[in-house]
Amino acid sequence: MNPEPTGLKGDDLGTPYLRFEREGPLAWCVVDRPEARNALTSAMYFGVRRAVDLLNKDPELAALIITGTGDMFMPGGELRGREPDRWLDFPDLLGIDSTPFEAIRRSPKPVVSAVNGVAQGGGLLIAMLSDVAVAGESVTVRAPELFRGIADTGYAAYLPAQIGIARARDMLLTGRTVTAREAESWGMFTRVVPDDQVRAVAEEVAVQIARTAPQARLHVKRIVNGGYGAVDRMTFDALLYNEEMTEGGRAFAERRDPSWVPPEFRTGGRL
């Protein structure tokens, strides 16, 4: 007798920190890891990708909305080595097709982000690559990858196409924090609303997109999103686990400046 197959079933996203909720033809992917400020474990990155797959495989679903809990959307990946749902190391995950970014970019059905709080790193990429991102007025965004020793070639491809080369350089090279209104004026978001209206407006947007013709929408979306260009995955993969990324992750976990920062420029804390 063959053993019962194991694996993900139904709406299980593979981690207790993500919920897949259905409201008629709308689905919600809710990030809920408040004890870690919604930092994404490797399983959570895969789970967001799975939510997009569930949307597109289910004829009863018309759109997906991604959001967070509390005052955090997603601050990016968990870099402290604390993954209670670990089944794959974070850099290993990045080396395979399990991250959600391209799945969101090429999703035939609408994916909307309801950005309810801080969005950084991978969280900001998820919002940017959604068909529409609705952000609360108090939201701030940041791309701190170079502080972590991560040569994120995804950001290097997506951000200049979205906000322009000069602004992309400013964000990526300085790691500066950008407000929701700045992000809207730059083109990262198109809708900034009062914090308590984020979910409702995101739902309205998802419904509006779902009313458009699916085949026509797919081709228009493919052409528009082609403006991002290709992501250099060979360079990205080649630099995973290198000495800078290892030191960047260690410095983040230990709340200190990475060793490459000149002593005169050190802050005495986490960058």
C-alpha atoms as a PDB file:
ATOM      1  CA  MET A   1       0.000   0.000   0.000  1.00  0.00           C
ATOM      2  CA  ASN A   2       1.473   3.347  -0.988  1.00  0.00           C
ATOM      3  CA  PRO A   3       1.859   5.918   1.805  1.00  0.00           C
ATOM      4  CA  GLU A   4      -0.401   8.961   1.837  1.00  0.00           C
ATOM      5  CA  PRO A   5       1.242  11.741  -0.209  1.00  0.00           C
ATOM      6  CA  THR A   6       2.504  14.652   1.846  1.00  0.00           C
ATOM      7  CA  GLY A   7       2.710  18.277   0.864  1.00  0.00           C
ATOM      8  CA  LEU A   8       0.633  21.423   0.802  1.00  0.00           C
ATOM      9  CA  LYS A   9      -3.095  20.962   0.424  1.00  0.00           C
ATOM     10  CA  GLY A  10      -5.988  23.326  -0.130  1.00  0.00           C
ATOM     11  CA  ASP A  11      -5.238  26.916   0.810  1.00  0.00           C
ATOM     12  CA  ASP A  12      -2.249  26.041   3.018  1.00  0.00           C
ATOM     13  CA  LEU A  13       0.608  28.436   2.232  1.00  0.00           C
ATOM     14  CA  GLY A  14       3.224  26.345   4.003  1.00  0.00           C
ATOM     15  CA  THR A  15       3.758  28.568   7.037  1.00  0.00           C
ATOM     16  CA  PRO A  16       1.669  29.649  10.049  1.00  0.00           C
ATOM     17  CA  TYR A  17       2.641  33.265   9.361  1.00  0.00           C
ATOM     18  CA  LEU A  18       0.592  33.627   6.173  1.00  0.00           C
ATOM     19  CA  ARG A  19      -3.156  33.311   5.769  1.00  0.00           C
ATOM     20  CA  PHE A  20      -5.037  32.726   2.530  1.00  0.00           C
ATOM     21  CA  GLU A  21      -8.520  34.142   3.053  1.00  0.00           C
ATOM     22  CA  ARG A  22     -11.404  33.965   0.595  1.00  0.00           C
ATOM     23  CA  GLU A  23     -14.140  36.565   0.280  1.00  0.00           C
ATOM     24  CA  GLY A  24     -16.188  35.380  -2.683  1.00  0.00           C
ATOM     25  CA  PRO A  25     -14.092  35.843  -5.838  1.00  0.00           C
ATOM     26  CA  LEU A  26     -11.480  37.866  -3.920  1.00  0.00           C
ATOM     27  CA  ALA A  27      -8.566  36.259  -2.082  1.00  0.00           C
ATOM     28  CA  TRP A  28      -6.355  37.851   0.550  1.00  0.00           C
ATOM     29  CA  CYS A  29      -2.787  36.867   1.404  1.00  0.00           C
ATOM     30  CA  VAL A  30      -2.223  38.235   4.910  1.00  0.00           C
ATOM     31  CA  VAL A  31       1.272  38.431   6.420  1.00  0.00           C
ATOM     32  CA  ASP A  32       0.938  37.882  10.171  1.00  0.00           C
ATOM     33  CA  ARG A  33       4.209  37.591  12.080  1.00  0.00           C
ATOM     34  CA  PRO A  34       3.944  40.500  14.541  1.00  0.00           C
ATOM     35  CA  GLU A  35       6.612  39.213  16.929  1.00  0.00           C
ATOM     36  CA  ALA A  36       9.180  39.731  14.130  1.00  0.00           C
ATOM     37  CA  ARG A  37       7.560  42.834  12.583  1.00  0.00           C
ATOM     38  CA  ASN A  38       6.402  40.680   9.636  1.00  0.00           C
ATOM     39  CA  ALA A  39       9.947  39.819   8.526  1.00  0.00           C
ATOM     40  CA  LEU A  40       9.703  37.233   5.763  1.00  0.00           C
ATOM     41  CA  THR A  41      11.182  33.801   6.343  1.00  0.00           C
ATOM     42  CA  SER A  42      12.125  31.647   3.374  1.00  0.00           C
ATOM     43  CA  ALA A  43       8.881  29.701   3.793  1.00  0.00           C
ATOM     44  CA  MET A  44       6.913  32.957   3.802  1.00  0.00           C
ATOM     45  CA  TYR A  45       8.487  34.098   0.528  1.00  0.00           C
ATOM     46  CA  PHE A  46       7.467  30.770  -0.987  1.00  0.00           C
ATOM     47  CA  GLY A  47       4.000  31.103   0.567  1.00  0.00           C
ATOM     48  CA  VAL A  48       3.364  34.463  -1.121  1.00  0.00           C
ATOM     49  CA  ARG A  49       4.405  32.844  -4.402  1.00  0.00           C
ATOM     50  CA  ARG A  50       1.996  29.965  -3.702  1.00  0.00           C
ATOM     51  CA  ALA A  51      -0.842  32.424  -3.035  1.00  0.00           C
ATOM     52  CA  VAL A  52      -0.363  33.825  -6.542  1.00  0.00           C
ATOM     53  CA  ASP A  53      -0.392  30.298  -7.953  1.00  0.00           C
ATOM     54  CA  LEU A  54      -3.592  29.432  -6.039  1.00  0.00           C
ATOM     55  CA  LEU A  55      -5.248  32.536  -7.460  1.00  0.00           C
ATOM     56  CA  ASN A  56      -4.448  31.669 -11.050  1.00  0.00           C
ATOM     57  CA  LYS A  57      -5.343  27.976 -10.782  1.00  0.00           C
ATOM     58  CA  ASP A  58      -8.765  28.525  -9.219  1.00  0.00           C
ATOM     59  CA  PRO A  59     -11.535  29.516 -11.673  1.00  0.00           C
ATOM     60  CA  GLU A  60     -13.645  30.796  -8.768  1.00  0.00           C
ATOM     61  CA  LEU A  61     -11.064  33.443  -7.825  1.00  0.00           C
ATOM     62  CA  ALA A  62     -10.751  36.720  -9.703  1.00  0.00           C
ATOM     63  CA  ALA A  63      -8.068  38.705  -7.837  1.00  0.00           C
ATOM     64  CA  LEU A  64      -5.586  38.590  -4.965  1.00  0.00           C
ATOM     65  CA  ILE A  65      -4.823  41.312  -2.418  1.00  0.00           C
ATOM     66  CA  ILE A  66      -1.595  41.119  -0.400  1.00  0.00           C
ATOM     67  CA  THR A  67      -1.396  42.937   2.927  1.00  0.00           C
ATOM     68  CA  GLY A  68       0.183  42.838   6.368  1.00  0.00           C
ATOM     69  CA  THR A  69      -0.998  43.117   9.939  1.00  0.00           C
ATOM     70  CA  GLY A  70      -0.596  45.952  12.412  1.00  0.00           C
ATOM     71  CA  ASP A  71       1.618  48.796  11.192  1.00  0.00           C
ATOM     72  CA  MET A  72       3.887  46.595   9.071  1.00  0.00           C
ATOM     73  CA  PHE A  73       3.468  45.489   5.491  1.00  0.00           C
ATOM     74  CA  MET A  74       6.755  43.611   5.050  1.00  0.00           C
ATOM     75  CA  PRO A  75      10.266  44.739   6.030  1.00  0.00           C
ATOM     76  CA  GLY A  76      11.954  42.223   3.760  1.00  0.00           C
ATOM     77  CA  GLY A  77      13.651  38.942   4.591  1.00  0.00           C
ATOM     78  CA  GLU A  78      14.474  37.557   8.011  1.00  0.00           C
ATOM     79  CA  LEU A  79      18.226  38.127   8.369  1.00  0.00           C
ATOM     80  CA  ARG A  80      18.678  37.262  12.032  1.00  0.00           C
ATOM     81  CA  GLY A  81      18.730  33.509  11.473  1.00  0.00           C
ATOM     82  CA  ARG A  82      15.447  33.088  13.367  1.00  0.00           C
ATOM     83  CA  GLU A  83      13.156  31.107  11.119  1.00  0.00           C
ATOM     84  CA  PRO A  84      10.726  29.022  13.201  1.00  0.00           C
ATOM     85  CA  ASP A  85       9.153  27.664  10.007  1.00  0.00           C
ATOM     86  CA  ARG A  86      12.457  26.973   8.266  1.00  0.00           C
ATOM     87  CA  TRP A  87      12.546  24.362   5.537  1.00  0.00           C
ATOM     88  CA  LEU A  88      15.051  26.082   3.267  1.00  0.00           C
ATOM     89  CA  ASP A  89      17.817  28.577   3.922  1.00  0.00           C
ATOM     90  CA  PHE A  90      17.079  32.078   2.637  1.00  0.00           C
ATOM     91  CA  PRO A  91      19.935  32.289   0.081  1.00  0.00           C
ATOM     92  CA  ASP A  92      19.024  28.810  -1.198  1.00  0.00           C
ATOM     93  CA  LEU A  93      15.488  30.031  -1.771  1.00  0.00           C
ATOM     94  CA  LEU A  94      16.730  33.000  -3.793  1.00  0.00           C
ATOM     95  CA  GLY A  95      18.662  30.645  -6.044  1.00  0.00           C
ATOM     96  CA  ILE A  96      15.514  28.838  -7.244  1.00  0.00           C
ATOM     97  CA  ASP A  97      12.234  29.940  -8.773  1.00  0.00           C
ATOM     98  CA  SER A  98      10.332  30.157  -5.486  1.00  0.00           C
ATOM     99  CA  THR A  99      10.369  33.865  -4.741  1.00  0.00           C
ATOM    100  CA  PRO A 100       7.137  35.734  -5.553  1.00  0.00           C
ATOM    101  CA  PHE A 101       8.459  38.697  -7.505  1.00  0.00           C
ATOM    102  CA  GLU A 102       8.270  37.391 -11.071  1.00  0.00           C
ATOM    103  CA  ALA A 103       5.123  35.398 -10.264  1.00  0.00           C
ATOM    104  CA  ILE A 104       3.402  38.655  -9.301  1.00  0.00           C
ATOM    105  CA  ARG A 105       4.810  40.468 -12.340  1.00  0.00           C
ATOM    106  CA  ARG A 106       3.476  37.869 -14.767  1.00  0.00           C
ATOM    107  CA  SER A 107       0.258  36.881 -12.968  1.00  0.00           C
ATOM    108  CA  PRO A 108      -2.627  36.738 -15.497  1.00  0.00           C
ATOM    109  CA  LYS A 109      -5.115  37.586 -12.738  1.00  0.00           C
ATOM    110  CA  PRO A 110      -4.907  40.869 -10.800  1.00  0.00           C
ATOM    111  CA  VAL A 111      -2.596  41.161  -7.797  1.00  0.00           C
ATOM    112  CA  VAL A 112      -3.035  44.280  -5.657  1.00  0.00           C
ATOM    113  CA  SER A 113      -0.982  45.266  -2.607  1.00  0.00           C
ATOM    114  CA  ALA A 114      -2.659  46.950   0.365  1.00  0.00           C
ATOM    115  CA  VAL A 115       0.455  48.524   1.908  1.00  0.00           C
ATOM    116  CA  ASN A 116      -0.614  49.069   5.498  1.00  0.00           C
ATOM    117  CA  GLY A 117       2.766  49.953   7.006  1.00  0.00           C
ATOM    118  CA  VAL A 118       6.533  49.857   6.537  1.00  0.00           C
ATOM    119  CA  ALA A 119       7.627  48.244   3.263  1.00  0.00           C
ATOM    120  CA  GLN A 120      11.304  47.458   2.786  1.00  0.00           C
ATOM    121  CA  GLY A 121      13.468  45.098   0.776  1.00  0.00           C
ATOM    122  CA  GLY A 122      11.470  42.240  -0.666  1.00  0.00           C
ATOM    123  CA  GLY A 123       8.280  43.714   0.761  1.00  0.00           C
ATOM    124  CA  LEU A 124       8.661  46.858  -1.311  1.00  0.00           C
ATOM    125  CA  LEU A 125       9.396  44.797  -4.414  1.00  0.00           C
ATOM    126  CA  ILE A 126       6.171  42.844  -3.873  1.00  0.00           C
ATOM    127  CA  ALA A 127       4.252  46.119  -3.671  1.00  0.00           C
ATOM    128  CA  MET A 128       5.964  47.631  -6.723  1.00  0.00           C
ATOM    129  CA  LEU A 129       5.405  44.580  -8.916  1.00  0.00           C
ATOM    130  CA  SER A 130       1.723  44.333  -8.025  1.00  0.00           C
ATOM    131  CA  ASP A 131      -0.677  45.635 -10.640  1.00  0.00           C
ATOM    132  CA  VAL A 132      -1.584  48.475  -8.273  1.00  0.00           C
ATOM    133  CA  ALA A 133      -0.244  49.295  -4.811  1.00  0.00           C
ATOM    134  CA  VAL A 134      -2.457  51.247  -2.404  1.00  0.00           C
ATOM    135  CA  ALA A 135      -0.463  52.736   0.484  1.00  0.00           C
ATOM    136  CA  GLY A 136      -1.432  54.351   3.761  1.00  0.00           C
ATOM    137  CA  GLU A 137      -0.350  57.927   4.454  1.00  0.00           C
ATOM    138  CA  SER A 138       1.984  56.872   7.281  1.00  0.00           C
ATOM    139  CA  VAL A 139       3.818  54.269   5.181  1.00  0.00           C
ATOM    140  CA  THR A 140       7.580  54.533   4.686  1.00  0.00           C
ATOM    141  CA  VAL A 141       9.671  52.544   2.221  1.00  0.00           C
ATOM    142  CA  ARG A 142      13.332  51.673   1.938  1.00  0.00           C
ATOM    143  CA  ALA A 143      15.749  49.482  -0.041  1.00  0.00           C
ATOM    144  CA  PRO A 144      18.544  48.646   2.465  1.00  0.00           C
ATOM    145  CA  GLU A 145      20.062  45.689   0.590  1.00  0.00           C
ATOM    146  CA  LEU A 146      23.533  47.214   0.115  1.00  0.00           C
ATOM    147  CA  PHE A 147      23.791  47.687   3.892  1.00  0.00           C
ATOM    148  CA  ARG A 148      23.308  43.907   4.123  1.00  0.00           C
ATOM    149  CA  GLY A 149      25.935  43.044   1.516  1.00  0.00           C
ATOM    150  CA  ILE A 150      23.255  41.931  -0.968  1.00  0.00           C
ATOM    151  CA  ALA A 151      23.783  42.775  -4.648  1.00  0.00           C
ATOM    152  CA  ASP A 152      20.073  42.781  -5.474  1.00  0.00           C
ATOM    153  CA  THR A 153      19.999  42.743  -9.253  1.00  0.00           C
ATOM    154  CA  GLY A 154      16.199  42.641  -9.092  1.00  0.00           C
ATOM    155  CA  TYR A 155      16.108  46.086  -7.527  1.00  0.00           C
ATOM    156  CA  ALA A 156      18.763  47.240  -9.986  1.00  0.00           C
ATOM    157  CA  ALA A 157      16.429  46.285 -12.843  1.00  0.00           C
ATOM    158  CA  TYR A 158      13.029  47.196 -11.413  1.00  0.00           C
ATOM    159  CA  LEU A 159      13.641  50.439  -9.556  1.00  0.00           C
ATOM    160  CA  PRO A 160      15.189  52.596 -12.341  1.00  0.00           C
ATOM    161  CA  ALA A 161      12.387  51.546 -14.695  1.00  0.00           C
ATOM    162  CA  GLN A 162       9.787  52.487 -12.111  1.00  0.00           C
ATOM    163  CA  ILE A 163      11.119  55.746 -10.625  1.00  0.00           C
ATOM    164  CA  GLY A 164      14.011  56.812 -12.877  1.00  0.00           C
ATOM    165  CA  ILE A 165      17.752  56.263 -12.744  1.00  0.00           C
ATOM    166  CA  ALA A 166      18.693  59.211 -10.503  1.00  0.00           C
ATOM    167  CA  ARG A 167      16.092  58.403  -7.836  1.00  0.00           C
ATOM    168  CA  ALA A 168      16.942  54.701  -8.010  1.00  0.00           C
ATOM    169  CA  ARG A 169      20.605  55.454  -7.408  1.00  0.00           C
ATOM    170  CA  ASP A 170      19.687  57.687  -4.484  1.00  0.00           C
ATOM    171  CA  MET A 171      17.508  55.015  -2.864  1.00  0.00           C
ATOM    172  CA  LEU A 172      19.782  52.044  -3.494  1.00  0.00           C
ATOM    173  CA  LEU A 173      23.148  53.659  -2.754  1.00  0.00           C
ATOM    174  CA  THR A 174      22.096  55.571   0.384  1.00  0.00           C
ATOM    175  CA  GLY A 175      19.396  53.277   1.751  1.00  0.00           C
ATOM    176  CA  ARG A 176      17.326  56.368   2.514  1.00  0.00           C
ATOM    177  CA  THR A 177      13.799  56.219   3.910  1.00  0.00           C
ATOM    178  CA  VAL A 178      11.091  57.546   1.586  1.00  0.00           C
ATOM    179  CA  THR A 179       7.632  58.646   2.706  1.00  0.00           C
ATOM    180  CA  ALA A 180       4.409  57.437   1.090  1.00  0.00           C
ATOM    181  CA  ARG A 181       3.778  60.826  -0.522  1.00  0.00           C
ATOM    182  CA  GLU A 182       7.320  60.910  -1.948  1.00  0.00           C
ATOM    183  CA  ALA A 183       6.893  57.347  -3.183  1.00  0.00           C
ATOM    184  CA  GLU A 184       3.630  58.316  -4.860  1.00  0.00           C
ATOM    185  CA  SER A 185       5.190  61.317  -6.598  1.00  0.00           C
ATOM    186  CA  TRP A 186       8.080  59.110  -7.748  1.00  0.00           C
ATOM    187  CA  GLY A 187       5.797  56.399  -9.176  1.00  0.00           C
ATOM    188  CA  MET A 188       6.324  53.588  -6.671  1.00  0.00           C
ATOM    189  CA  PHE A 189       2.684  53.866  -5.633  1.00  0.00           C
ATOM    190  CA  THR A 190      -0.236  55.409  -7.503  1.00  0.00           C
ATOM    191  CA  ARG A 191      -2.696  55.686  -4.616  1.00  0.00           C
ATOM    192  CA  VAL A 192      -1.989  56.997  -1.121  1.00  0.00           C
ATOM    193  CA  VAL A 193      -4.991  57.101   1.199  1.00  0.00           C
ATOM    194  CA  PRO A 194      -5.699  57.506   4.930  1.00  0.00           C
ATOM    195  CA  ASP A 195      -4.379  54.504   6.830  1.00  0.00           C
ATOM    196  CA  ASP A 196      -7.826  53.262   7.811  1.00  0.00           C
ATOM    197  CA  GLN A 197      -8.948  53.180   4.168  1.00  0.00           C
ATOM    198  CA  VAL A 198      -6.115  51.084   2.709  1.00  0.00           C
ATOM    199  CA  ARG A 199      -7.915  47.742   2.692  1.00  0.00           C
ATOM    200  CA  ALA A 200     -11.186  49.146   1.363  1.00  0.00           C
ATOM    201  CA  VAL A 201      -9.528  51.059  -1.477  1.00  0.00           C
ATOM    202  CA  ALA A 202      -7.338  48.061  -2.372  1.00  0.00           C
ATOM    203  CA  GLU A 203     -10.486  45.946  -2.596  1.00  0.00           C
ATOM    204  CA  GLU A 204     -12.142  48.518  -4.874  1.00  0.00           C
ATOM    205  CA  VAL A 205      -9.080  48.521  -7.130  1.00  0.00           C
ATOM    206  CA  ALA A 206      -8.970  44.715  -7.305  1.00  0.00           C
ATOM    207  CA  VAL A 207     -12.636  44.594  -8.298  1.00  0.00           C
ATOM    208  CA  GLN A 208     -12.112  47.299 -10.951  1.00  0.00           C
ATOM    209  CA  ILE A 209      -9.243  45.354 -12.542  1.00  0.00           C
ATOM    210  CA  ALA A 210     -11.178  42.075 -12.369  1.00  0.00           C
ATOM    211  CA  ARG A 211     -13.941  43.674 -14.474  1.00  0.00           C
ATOM    212  CA  THR A 212     -11.591  44.051 -17.454  1.00  0.00           C
ATOM    213  CA  ALA A 213     -11.339  41.448 -20.227  1.00  0.00           C
ATOM    214  CA  PRO A 214      -8.876  38.737 -19.078  1.00  0.00           C
ATOM    215  CA  GLN A 215      -7.157  37.991 -22.401  1.00  0.00           C
ATOM    216  CA  ALA A 216      -6.852  41.624 -23.437  1.00  0.00           C
ATOM    217  CA  ARG A 217      -5.611  42.514 -19.943  1.00  0.00           C
ATOM    218  CA  LEU A 218      -2.953  39.781 -20.023  1.00  0.00           C
ATOM    219  CA  HIS A 219      -1.391  41.109 -23.218  1.00  0.00           C
ATOM    220  CA  VAL A 220      -1.492  44.737 -22.111  1.00  0.00           C
ATOM    221  CA  LYS A 221       0.100  43.789 -18.788  1.00  0.00           C
ATOM    222  CA  ARG A 222       2.820  41.753 -20.532  1.00  0.00           C
ATOM    223  CA  ILE A 223       3.776  44.672 -22.754  1.00  0.00           C
ATOM    224  CA  VAL A 224       3.708  47.240 -19.928  1.00  0.00           C
ATOM    225  CA  ASN A 225       5.729  45.075 -17.544  1.00  0.00           C
ATOM    226  CA  GLY A 226       8.252  44.363 -20.286  1.00  0.00           C
ATOM    227  CA  GLY A 227       9.549  47.849 -19.526  1.00  0.00           C
ATOM    228  CA  TYR A 228      11.305  46.475 -16.468  1.00  0.00           C
ATOM    229  CA  GLY A 229      13.686  44.448 -18.598  1.00  0.00           C
ATOM    230  CA  ALA A 230      15.409  41.255 -17.480  1.00  0.00           C
ATOM    231  CA  VAL A 231      16.837  40.606 -14.026  1.00  0.00           C
ATOM    232  CA  ASP A 232      20.487  39.476 -14.006  1.00  0.00           C
ATOM    233  CA  ARG A 233      20.026  36.273 -12.022  1.00  0.00           C
ATOM    234  CA  MET A 234      23.469  34.892 -12.870  1.00  0.00           C
ATOM    235  CA  THR A 235      25.205  37.739 -11.034  1.00  0.00           C
ATOM    236  CA  PHE A 236      22.720  37.602  -8.172  1.00  0.00           C
ATOM    237  CA  ASP A 237      23.120  33.845  -7.708  1.00  0.00           C
ATOM    238  CA  ALA A 238      26.916  34.021  -8.013  1.00  0.00           C
ATOM    239  CA  LEU A 239      27.141  36.446  -5.084  1.00  0.00           C
ATOM    240  CA  LEU A 240      24.887  34.529  -2.689  1.00  0.00           C
ATOM    241  CA  TYR A 241      26.730  33.509   0.484  1.00  0.00           C
ATOM    242  CA  ASN A 242      29.778  35.586  -0.440  1.00  0.00           C
ATOM    243  CA  GLU A 243      31.750  37.255   2.334  1.00  0.00           C
ATOM    244  CA  GLU A 244      29.902  40.572   2.124  1.00  0.00           C
ATOM    245  CA  MET A 245      26.464  38.986   2.360  1.00  0.00           C
ATOM    246  CA  THR A 246      27.620  36.818   5.266  1.00  0.00           C
ATOM    247  CA  GLU A 247      29.034  39.822   7.120  1.00  0.00           C
ATOM    248  CA  GLY A 248      25.999  41.966   6.301  1.00  0.00           C
ATOM    249  CA  GLY A 249      23.633  39.399   7.759  1.00  0.00           C
ATOM    250  CA  ARG A 250      25.796  38.924  10.838  1.00  0.00           C
ATOM    251  CA  ALA A 251      26.029  42.684  11.433  1.00  0.00           C
ATOM    252  CA  PHE A 252      22.242  43.015  11.125  1.00  0.00           C
ATOM    253  CA  ALA A 253      21.661  40.218  13.639  1.00  0.00           C
ATOM    254  CA  GLU A 254      24.214  41.740  16.041  1.00  0.00           C
ATOM    255  CA  ARG A 255      22.841  45.279  15.624  1.00  0.00           C
ATOM    256  CA  ARG A 256      26.157  46.791  14.551  1.00  0.00           C
ATOM    257  CA  ASP A 257      27.858  48.383  11.567  1.00  0.00           C
ATOM    258  CA  PRO A 258      29.291  45.944   9.001  1.00  0.00           C
ATOM    259  CA  SER A 259      33.080  45.667   9.068  1.00  0.00           C
ATOM    260  CA  TRP A 260      33.452  47.408   5.698  1.00  0.00           C
ATOM    261  CA  VAL A 261      32.191  50.703   7.129  1.00  0.00           C
ATOM    262  CA  PRO A 262      35.194  52.998   7.885  1.00  0.00           C
ATOM    263  CA  PRO A 263      35.529  53.519  11.665  1.00  0.00           C
ATOM    264  CA  GLU A 264      34.917  57.249  11.254  1.00  0.00           C
ATOM    265  CA  PHE A 265      31.544  56.567   9.574  1.00  0.00           C
ATOM    266  CA  ARG A 266      30.175  53.962  11.950  1.00  0.00           C
ATOM    267  CA  THR A 267      26.896  54.631  13.719  1.00  0.00           C
ATOM    268  CA  GLY A 268      27.319  52.221  16.610  1.00  0.00           C
ATOM    269  CA  GLY A 269      24.140  50.410  15.673  1.00  0.00           C
ATOM    270  CA  ARG A 270      22.268  48.631  12.905  1.00  0.00           C
ATOM    271  CA  LEU A 271      22.200  50.419   9.536  1.00  0.00           C
END
